Protein backbone atom coordinates (compact mmCIF):
# COMPACT_ATOMS: atom_id res chain seq x y z
CA MET A 1 0.00 0.00 0.00
CA LYS A 2 3.11 2.23 -0.30
CA ASN A 3 3.09 3.08 3.41
CA VAL A 4 6.53 1.57 4.07
CA ASP A 5 9.93 3.18 3.57
CA GLY A 6 12.00 0.07 2.82
CA ASP A 7 15.40 1.67 3.36
CA THR A 8 14.40 2.96 6.79
CA ALA A 9 12.84 -0.37 7.72
CA VAL A 10 16.10 -2.18 6.89
CA LEU A 11 18.29 0.27 8.83
CA VAL A 12 16.04 0.34 11.88
CA GLY A 13 15.41 -3.40 11.72
CA TYR A 14 19.07 -4.45 11.55
CA SER A 15 20.21 -2.01 14.24
CA GLY A 16 17.16 -2.94 16.31
CA VAL A 17 18.16 -6.61 16.22
CA LEU A 18 21.53 -5.74 17.76
CA GLY A 19 19.73 -3.75 20.44
CA VAL A 20 17.32 -6.61 21.12
CA ILE A 21 20.20 -9.04 21.66
CA LEU A 22 21.84 -6.72 24.19
CA GLY A 23 18.51 -5.85 25.84
CA SER A 24 17.57 -9.52 26.18
CA ILE A 25 20.85 -10.23 27.95
CA VAL A 26 20.24 -7.31 30.32
CA PHE A 27 16.68 -8.56 30.87
CA GLY A 28 18.07 -11.70 32.50
CA TYR A 29 19.57 -9.53 35.24
CA LEU A 30 16.53 -7.24 35.62
CA LYS A 31 13.82 -9.88 36.07
CA PRO A 32 13.73 -9.37 39.88
CA TYR A 33 12.83 -5.71 39.26
CA GLU A 34 9.96 -6.32 36.84
CA HIS A 35 7.48 -4.11 38.74
CA LEU A 36 9.86 -1.15 38.62
CA ILE A 37 10.21 -1.73 34.88
CA ASP A 38 6.39 -1.61 34.63
CA LEU A 39 6.37 1.82 36.26
CA ILE A 40 9.11 3.15 33.97
CA VAL A 41 7.28 1.87 30.88
CA GLY A 42 4.01 3.48 31.98
CA VAL A 43 5.59 6.87 32.66
CA ALA A 44 7.52 6.74 29.37
CA PHE A 45 4.30 6.28 27.40
CA LEU A 46 2.44 9.18 29.04
CA LEU A 47 4.08 12.01 27.07
CA PRO A 48 3.55 10.60 23.54
CA SER A 49 0.02 9.57 24.58
CA VAL A 50 -0.97 13.08 25.58
CA ARG A 51 0.75 14.62 22.58
CA MET A 52 -0.97 12.31 20.09
CA LEU A 53 -4.37 12.92 21.67
CA TYR A 54 -3.83 16.68 21.56
CA GLU A 55 -2.68 16.65 17.94
CA GLY A 56 -5.45 14.30 16.83
CA LEU A 57 -8.36 15.89 18.70
CA VAL A 58 -7.36 19.58 18.91
CA LEU A 59 -4.42 20.63 16.73
CA ALA A 60 -5.24 18.83 13.47
CA PRO A 61 -8.91 19.94 13.36
CA ARG A 62 -7.77 23.51 14.07
CA GLN A 63 -5.24 23.35 11.21
CA ALA A 64 -7.91 21.94 8.91
CA ARG A 65 -10.24 24.83 9.71
CA LEU A 66 -7.46 27.34 9.03
CA ALA A 67 -6.65 25.68 5.72
CA GLY A 68 -10.32 25.68 4.76
CA ALA A 69 -10.54 29.37 5.57
CA GLY A 70 -7.54 30.19 3.40
CA GLY A 71 -5.08 30.26 6.29
CA GLN A 72 -1.65 28.73 6.47
CA GLY A 73 -2.64 25.56 8.29
CA ALA A 74 -0.61 22.45 7.58
CA ALA A 75 -2.12 19.87 5.30
CA VAL A 76 -3.68 16.94 7.14
CA GLY A 77 -2.92 13.44 5.89
CA ALA A 78 0.04 14.42 3.74
CA THR A 79 2.18 11.48 2.70
CA ALA A 80 5.82 11.11 1.76
CA PRO A 81 7.67 8.26 0.03
CA LYS A 82 10.70 8.47 2.34
CA MET A 83 11.12 8.81 6.08
CA PRO A 84 13.16 11.94 6.98
CA GLY A 85 16.41 11.54 8.88
CA SER A 86 19.97 10.40 8.25
CA PRO A 87 21.06 6.74 8.19
CA VAL A 88 23.00 7.33 11.41
CA SER A 89 19.99 8.75 13.26
CA LYS A 90 17.81 5.86 12.09
CA SER A 91 20.40 3.29 13.15
CA VAL A 92 20.79 4.86 16.59
CA LEU A 93 17.02 5.04 16.96
CA GLY A 94 16.66 1.39 15.99
CA SER A 95 19.36 0.31 18.45
CA ILE A 96 17.74 2.17 21.35
CA ILE A 97 14.26 0.86 20.64
CA GLY A 98 15.60 -2.64 20.05
CA PHE A 99 17.37 -2.49 23.41
CA LEU A 100 14.14 -1.46 25.14
CA THR A 101 12.27 -4.20 23.31
CA GLY A 102 14.73 -6.79 24.59
CA ILE A 103 14.09 -5.64 28.15
CA ILE A 104 10.35 -4.98 28.29
CA GLY A 105 9.04 -6.73 25.16
CA LEU A 106 6.75 -3.80 24.38
CA ALA A 107 8.82 -0.90 23.15
CA GLY A 108 9.22 -1.94 19.50
CA GLY A 109 5.87 -1.45 17.84
CA TYR A 110 4.64 1.07 20.37
CA ALA A 111 7.80 3.16 20.52
CA LEU A 112 8.60 3.16 16.81
CA VAL A 113 5.47 5.05 15.76
CA PRO A 114 5.99 8.07 18.07
CA ALA A 115 9.75 7.90 17.38
CA PHE A 116 9.17 8.12 13.63
CA LEU A 117 6.67 10.93 14.19
CA TYR A 118 8.47 13.11 16.70
CA VAL A 119 12.15 12.23 16.30
CA LEU A 120 12.38 11.76 12.53
CA ARG A 121 9.38 14.00 11.77
CA GLY A 122 7.77 11.50 9.40
CA PRO A 123 4.10 11.43 8.33
CA MET A 124 1.68 9.32 10.35
CA LYS A 125 0.73 6.64 7.83
CA LEU A 126 4.34 6.12 6.73
CA ALA A 127 5.31 5.86 10.42
CA VAL A 128 2.71 3.15 11.02
CA GLY A 129 3.69 1.06 7.99
CA THR A 130 7.44 1.44 8.40
CA SER A 131 7.25 0.59 12.10
CA MET A 132 5.58 -2.73 11.29
CA ALA A 133 8.23 -3.64 8.73
CA SER A 134 11.05 -2.58 11.07
CA PHE A 135 9.76 -4.37 14.13
CA THR A 136 9.32 -7.76 12.46
CA TRP A 137 13.02 -8.64 12.86
CA MET A 138 13.21 -7.31 16.42
CA ALA A 139 10.22 -9.44 17.39
CA LEU A 140 11.66 -12.62 15.87
CA VAL A 141 15.03 -12.26 17.56
CA GLY A 142 13.53 -11.08 20.85
CA ALA A 143 11.08 -13.99 20.91
CA THR A 144 13.91 -16.45 20.32
CA PHE A 145 15.83 -15.08 23.30
CA LYS A 146 12.71 -15.10 25.49
CA LEU A 147 12.04 -18.72 24.58
CA TYR A 148 15.57 -19.58 25.69
CA GLN A 149 14.97 -17.64 28.93
CA HIS A 150 11.74 -19.60 29.56
CA VAL A 151 9.47 -16.56 29.78
CA VAL A 152 7.14 -17.38 26.88
CA ASP A 153 3.70 -19.00 27.19
CA VAL A 154 3.81 -20.71 23.79
CA PRO A 155 0.09 -21.68 23.39
CA THR A 156 -0.98 -18.14 24.31
CA ALA A 157 1.63 -16.66 21.96
CA ILE A 158 0.34 -18.76 19.07
CA CYS A 159 -3.29 -17.75 19.70
CA LEU A 160 -2.35 -14.08 20.00
CA GLY A 161 -0.21 -14.33 16.88
CA ILE A 162 -3.03 -15.75 14.77
CA GLY A 163 -5.40 -13.05 15.99
CA ALA A 164 -2.78 -10.37 15.37
CA VAL A 165 -2.23 -11.50 11.77
CA ILE A 166 -5.95 -11.37 11.03
CA GLY A 167 -6.34 -8.00 12.72
CA ALA A 168 -3.28 -6.57 10.95
CA LEU A 169 -4.63 -7.49 7.52
CA TYR A 170 -7.87 -5.62 8.12
CA GLY A 171 -6.18 -2.82 10.05
CA ALA A 172 -3.68 -2.10 7.27
CA ARG A 173 -6.51 -1.64 4.79
CA LEU A 174 -8.44 0.53 7.24
CA VAL A 175 -5.46 2.88 7.69
CA ALA A 176 -5.75 3.97 4.05
CA ARG A 177 -9.30 5.21 4.71
CA VAL A 178 -8.74 6.90 8.06
CA LYS A 179 -7.63 10.51 8.44
CA THR A 180 -4.26 11.20 10.03
CA ALA A 181 -5.89 13.12 12.89
CA THR A 182 -8.13 10.14 13.67
CA LEU A 183 -5.14 7.78 13.65
CA LYS A 184 -3.26 10.00 16.09
CA ALA A 185 -6.27 10.19 18.40
CA LEU A 186 -6.67 6.40 18.32
CA PHE A 187 -2.98 5.81 19.00
CA GLY A 188 -3.08 8.36 21.81
CA ALA A 189 -6.06 6.64 23.44
CA ILE A 190 -4.38 3.22 23.20
CA PHE A 191 -1.13 4.61 24.59
CA ILE A 192 -2.99 6.21 27.51
CA TYR A 193 -4.48 2.81 28.33
CA VAL A 194 -1.08 1.10 28.12
CA ALA A 195 0.55 3.78 30.29
CA ALA A 196 -2.20 3.58 32.92
CA LYS A 197 -2.10 -0.21 32.95
CA TYR A 198 1.64 -0.39 33.60
CA ILE A 199 1.67 2.39 36.18
CA LEU A 200 -1.20 0.79 38.12
CA ILE A 201 0.47 -2.62 37.97
CA TYR A 202 3.35 -1.12 39.95
CA PHE A 203 0.87 -0.18 42.68
CA GLY A 204 -0.79 -3.61 42.61
CA ILE A 205 -3.92 -2.48 40.75
CA ALA A 206 -5.04 -4.45 37.69
CA ILE A 207 -7.28 -2.86 35.07
CA TRP A 208 -9.07 -4.80 32.33
CA ALA A 209 -7.01 -7.91 31.68
CA ALA A 210 -7.44 -11.68 31.52
CA GLU A 211 -5.81 -12.16 34.91
CA GLY A 212 -7.91 -9.40 36.51
């Protein structure tokens, strides 16, 4: 659907794999502090959550009104064939996110989208597509390490994987029909939930979840 920058996906993916390997090794030493990691993850997701919600619900509609009135508002939903940023910046970004993925298992897909948006200044739909292509390799390597570390529930992973594949097929087609502002608002809402969930876990409070 032309929402993937292949060059960026390769750079971020390869560097991310190196980060995942290192992060997975570090994870073995941090397992006793898993609740503290939960708190750090939750706090880290708060800022991009609030920013995406603000841009999706307030800023983008305001810019659209200005553009419609002949103002200088930025175009909503603009696309670009290439992700901005130098190869070095993309490699460093991939390594950092891969490292976090190796430790907490969550950073990859979630962190890549806001990183592409706010660090590399890429457009929303290209950020979504490129993040999926980049994270594939991080997930494979990270899962292999986690299997070796005996922290994977294989039957659950298979069921979730099948559901994720089906959802991704429909979701990818839906992205093409959804406005950028709506995507940002949706991502912001999901990130708020993730942040709240991990922060509350630290305090022993479980919100909607299978184990709840």
